[in-house]
Amino acid sequence: MSSPSCGTPHHDYPQTLCTEPAGHYRRLIDPHAGPLIIDGRERGAAAWDEPETTR
């Protein structure tokens, strides 16, 4: 049985979902990663950190 994937969407490309294992994310150390999906088509790969919140 495989562990579930993270599934966090990219902040600019919401169809791009993280395929790393759930609970992996650590800012600047272990970014989200998955296939880059734009307009429903795979266009490459992406790795990203969650955007910093601003006040």
C-alpha atoms as a PDB file:
ATOM      1  CA  MET A   1       0.000   0.000   0.000  1.00  0.00           C
ATOM      2  CA  SER A   2       1.432   3.376  -0.967  1.00  0.00           C
ATOM      3  CA  SER A   3       1.166   6.439   1.220  1.00  0.00           C
ATOM      4  CA  PRO A   4      -1.096   9.285   0.063  1.00  0.00           C
ATOM      5  CA  SER A   5       0.428  12.148  -1.871  1.00  0.00           C
ATOM      6  CA  CYS A   6       0.562  15.718  -0.563  1.00  0.00           C
ATOM      7  CA  GLY A   7      -1.780  17.173  -3.221  1.00  0.00           C
ATOM      8  CA  THR A   8      -1.062  20.851  -2.444  1.00  0.00           C
ATOM      9  CA  PRO A   9      -1.781  22.976  -5.546  1.00  0.00           C
ATOM     10  CA  HIS A  10       0.775  25.418  -6.945  1.00  0.00           C
ATOM     11  CA  HIS A  11      -0.199  29.016  -6.078  1.00  0.00           C
ATOM     12  CA  ASP A  12       0.014  30.227  -9.722  1.00  0.00           C
ATOM     13  CA  TYR A  13      -0.934  26.978 -11.533  1.00  0.00           C
ATOM     14  CA  PRO A  14      -3.754  25.342  -9.505  1.00  0.00           C
ATOM     15  CA  GLN A  15      -3.898  22.284 -11.796  1.00  0.00           C
ATOM     16  CA  THR A  16      -0.302  21.502 -10.745  1.00  0.00           C
ATOM     17  CA  LEU A  17      -0.505  19.309  -7.646  1.00  0.00           C
ATOM     18  CA  CYS A  18       2.293  18.139  -5.392  1.00  0.00           C
ATOM     19  CA  THR A  19       3.026  14.427  -5.833  1.00  0.00           C
ATOM     20  CA  GLU A  20       5.413  14.138  -2.869  1.00  0.00           C
ATOM     21  CA  PRO A  21       4.293  12.054   0.149  1.00  0.00           C
ATOM     22  CA  ALA A  22       1.794  13.685   2.519  1.00  0.00           C
ATOM     23  CA  GLY A  23       3.414  15.688   5.323  1.00  0.00           C
ATOM     24  CA  HIS A  24       6.768  16.137   3.545  1.00  0.00           C
ATOM     25  CA  TYR A  25       6.785  19.946   3.201  1.00  0.00           C
ATOM     26  CA  ARG A  26       9.407  22.026   5.019  1.00  0.00           C
ATOM     27  CA  ARG A  27       9.988  25.558   3.696  1.00  0.00           C
ATOM     28  CA  LEU A  28      13.330  26.014   1.891  1.00  0.00           C
ATOM     29  CA  ILE A  29      14.326  22.409   2.722  1.00  0.00           C
ATOM     30  CA  ASP A  30      11.743  20.078   1.129  1.00  0.00           C
ATOM     31  CA  PRO A  31       9.576  21.964  -1.397  1.00  0.00           C
ATOM     32  CA  HIS A  32       6.410  20.766  -3.074  1.00  0.00           C
ATOM     33  CA  ALA A  33       7.050  19.105  -6.446  1.00  0.00           C
ATOM     34  CA  GLY A  34       5.048  17.612  -9.287  1.00  0.00           C
ATOM     35  CA  PRO A  35       4.323  17.798 -13.001  1.00  0.00           C
ATOM     36  CA  LEU A  36       3.644  21.354 -14.239  1.00  0.00           C
ATOM     37  CA  ILE A  37       0.105  21.390 -15.680  1.00  0.00           C
ATOM     38  CA  ILE A  38      -0.975  24.415 -17.739  1.00  0.00           C
ATOM     39  CA  ASP A  39      -4.296  24.452 -19.629  1.00  0.00           C
ATOM     40  CA  GLY A  40      -4.789  20.766 -18.851  1.00  0.00           C
ATOM     41  CA  ARG A  41      -1.483  19.660 -20.407  1.00  0.00           C
ATOM     42  CA  GLU A  42       1.755  18.593 -18.772  1.00  0.00           C
ATOM     43  CA  ARG A  43       4.394  21.205 -19.664  1.00  0.00           C
ATOM     44  CA  GLY A  44       7.317  20.043 -17.546  1.00  0.00           C
ATOM     45  CA  ALA A  45       8.009  19.831 -13.836  1.00  0.00           C
ATOM     46  CA  ALA A  46       7.652  22.253 -10.952  1.00  0.00           C
ATOM     47  CA  ALA A  47       9.055  22.619  -7.441  1.00  0.00           C
ATOM     48  CA  TRP A  48       7.732  25.365  -5.176  1.00  0.00           C
ATOM     49  CA  ASP A  49       7.475  26.706  -1.673  1.00  0.00           C
ATOM     50  CA  GLU A  50       4.203  28.016  -0.308  1.00  0.00           C
ATOM     51  CA  PRO A  51       3.947  31.796  -0.660  1.00  0.00           C
ATOM     52  CA  GLU A  52       4.672  33.836   2.450  1.00  0.00           C
ATOM     53  CA  THR A  53       1.604  35.500   3.900  1.00  0.00           C
ATOM     54  CA  THR A  54       1.675  39.289   4.064  1.00  0.00           C
ATOM     55  CA  ARG A  55      -0.061  41.459   6.598  1.00  0.00           C
END
